[in-house]
């Protein structure tokens, strides 16, 4: 008898997680959730390089924590030292990319965890 309420509770919890996740994605939190997941999951960290994205070429943007500015999300094709290429998500906090030069990226999963001009 206790299994029926437990199964119902798990079904309700699963539905709530799916609906909550969809609401966050619709609110523009998809890129932030992807970045968090890439940092938490046990993906190896690898050095990659990519040209700096052009200003205005961001895939999306969302309000920063202060509400006074915006964070810009770019999708770039980056290569490792063996020439393997994959798409990475980079978040520029509070500013757009200037499009100048190259970026050295510490990538984890599909996200650039840290990046700097090189």
Protein backbone atom coordinates (compact mmCIF):
# COMPACT_ATOMS: atom_id res chain seq x y z
CA UNK A 1 0.00 0.00 0.00
CA UNK A 2 2.85 2.41 0.66
CA UNK A 3 4.21 1.94 -2.86
CA UNK A 4 1.27 3.65 -4.53
CA UNK A 5 1.71 6.99 -2.67
CA UNK A 6 5.49 6.80 -3.21
CA UNK A 7 5.06 6.19 -6.95
CA UNK A 8 2.55 9.04 -7.17
CA UNK A 9 4.92 11.35 -5.28
CA UNK A 10 7.81 10.46 -7.62
CA UNK A 11 5.62 11.09 -10.67
CA UNK A 12 4.57 14.50 -9.31
CA UNK A 13 8.18 15.38 -8.47
CA UNK A 14 9.36 14.36 -11.95
CA UNK A 15 6.64 16.46 -13.60
CA UNK A 16 7.54 19.44 -11.40
CA UNK A 17 11.22 19.15 -12.36
CA UNK A 18 10.40 18.99 -16.07
CA UNK A 19 8.01 21.95 -15.89
CA UNK A 20 10.41 23.95 -13.73
CA UNK A 21 13.29 23.23 -16.11
CA UNK A 22 11.21 24.32 -19.10
CA UNK A 23 10.19 27.52 -17.30
CA UNK A 24 13.86 28.33 -16.61
CA UNK A 25 14.76 27.67 -20.25
CA UNK A 26 11.92 29.92 -21.44
CA UNK A 27 13.11 32.65 -19.06
CA UNK A 28 16.55 32.71 -20.73
CA UNK A 29 18.37 30.59 -18.15
CA UNK A 30 19.27 27.82 -20.62
CA UNK A 31 22.82 29.03 -21.19
CA UNK A 32 23.45 29.48 -17.47
CA UNK A 33 22.09 26.00 -16.72
CA UNK A 34 24.31 24.51 -19.45
CA UNK A 35 27.35 26.26 -18.01
CA UNK A 36 26.58 25.06 -14.48
CA UNK A 37 26.04 21.48 -15.67
CA UNK A 38 29.37 21.50 -17.53
CA UNK A 39 31.15 22.68 -14.40
CA UNK A 40 29.49 20.12 -12.12
CA UNK A 41 29.66 17.02 -14.33
CA UNK A 42 32.97 15.12 -14.39
CA UNK A 43 34.03 16.25 -17.88
CA UNK A 44 37.77 16.62 -18.48
CA UNK A 45 39.12 20.15 -18.84
CA UNK A 46 40.97 20.79 -22.10
CA UNK A 47 42.77 23.78 -23.61
CA UNK A 48 41.21 25.07 -26.84
CA UNK A 49 41.59 28.12 -29.06
CA UNK A 50 39.11 30.15 -31.12
CA UNK A 51 38.95 33.54 -32.82
CA UNK A 52 37.21 36.11 -30.65
CA UNK A 53 33.54 36.34 -31.68
CA UNK A 54 32.44 39.42 -33.59
CA UNK A 55 30.47 42.07 -31.67
CA UNK A 56 26.74 41.57 -32.13
CA UNK A 57 27.10 37.90 -33.10
CA UNK A 58 25.94 36.60 -29.71
CA UNK A 59 23.44 33.72 -29.69
CA UNK A 60 21.54 35.19 -26.74
CA UNK A 61 21.84 37.54 -23.81
CA UNK A 62 20.31 37.86 -20.37
CA UNK A 63 20.29 40.42 -17.55
CA UNK A 64 23.28 40.32 -15.25
CA UNK A 65 22.95 39.92 -11.49
CA UNK A 66 22.74 43.67 -10.91
CA UNK A 67 19.99 44.15 -13.47
CA UNK A 68 21.87 47.15 -14.84
CA UNK A 69 23.69 45.30 -17.63
CA UNK A 70 23.66 42.13 -19.69
CA UNK A 71 25.68 38.96 -20.16
CA UNK A 72 26.26 37.83 -23.74
CA UNK A 73 26.31 34.18 -24.84
CA UNK A 74 28.39 33.21 -27.88
CA UNK A 75 28.70 29.88 -29.65
CA UNK A 76 32.19 29.48 -31.13
CA UNK A 77 34.01 26.73 -33.01
CA UNK A 78 37.17 26.03 -31.02
CA UNK A 79 40.08 23.67 -31.75
CA UNK A 80 42.39 21.78 -29.40
CA UNK A 81 46.13 21.18 -29.96
CA UNK A 82 45.34 18.08 -32.07
CA UNK A 83 43.04 19.98 -34.41
CA UNK A 84 39.80 18.53 -33.02
CA UNK A 85 37.03 21.12 -33.37
CA UNK A 86 33.85 21.47 -31.33
CA UNK A 87 31.29 24.14 -30.56
CA UNK A 88 31.72 25.85 -27.20
CA UNK A 89 29.45 28.23 -25.34
CA UNK A 90 31.22 31.32 -23.99
CA UNK A 91 29.55 33.83 -21.69
CA UNK A 92 30.92 37.37 -21.69
CA UNK A 93 29.86 38.89 -18.39
CA UNK A 94 28.75 42.52 -18.58
CA UNK A 95 30.11 43.19 -22.06
CA UNK A 96 30.14 42.01 -25.65
CA UNK A 97 33.18 40.50 -27.33
CA UNK A 98 35.31 43.01 -29.22
CA UNK A 99 36.05 40.52 -32.02
CA UNK A 100 39.80 41.11 -31.89
CA UNK A 101 42.43 38.38 -31.84
CA UNK A 102 42.20 34.86 -30.47
CA UNK A 103 40.96 33.35 -27.22
CA UNK A 104 42.65 30.62 -25.20
CA UNK A 105 39.80 28.68 -23.61
CA UNK A 106 39.71 26.16 -20.77
CA UNK A 107 36.82 24.03 -22.00
CA UNK A 108 34.74 21.58 -20.04
CA UNK A 109 31.98 19.72 -21.84
CA UNK A 110 30.38 22.24 -24.19
CA UNK A 111 31.33 25.34 -22.19
CA UNK A 112 34.33 27.59 -21.94
CA UNK A 113 34.93 27.61 -18.19
CA UNK A 114 37.62 30.30 -18.43
CA UNK A 115 39.01 32.21 -21.39
CA UNK A 116 41.53 34.94 -22.04
CA UNK A 117 42.92 36.81 -25.03
CA UNK A 118 46.14 35.35 -26.39
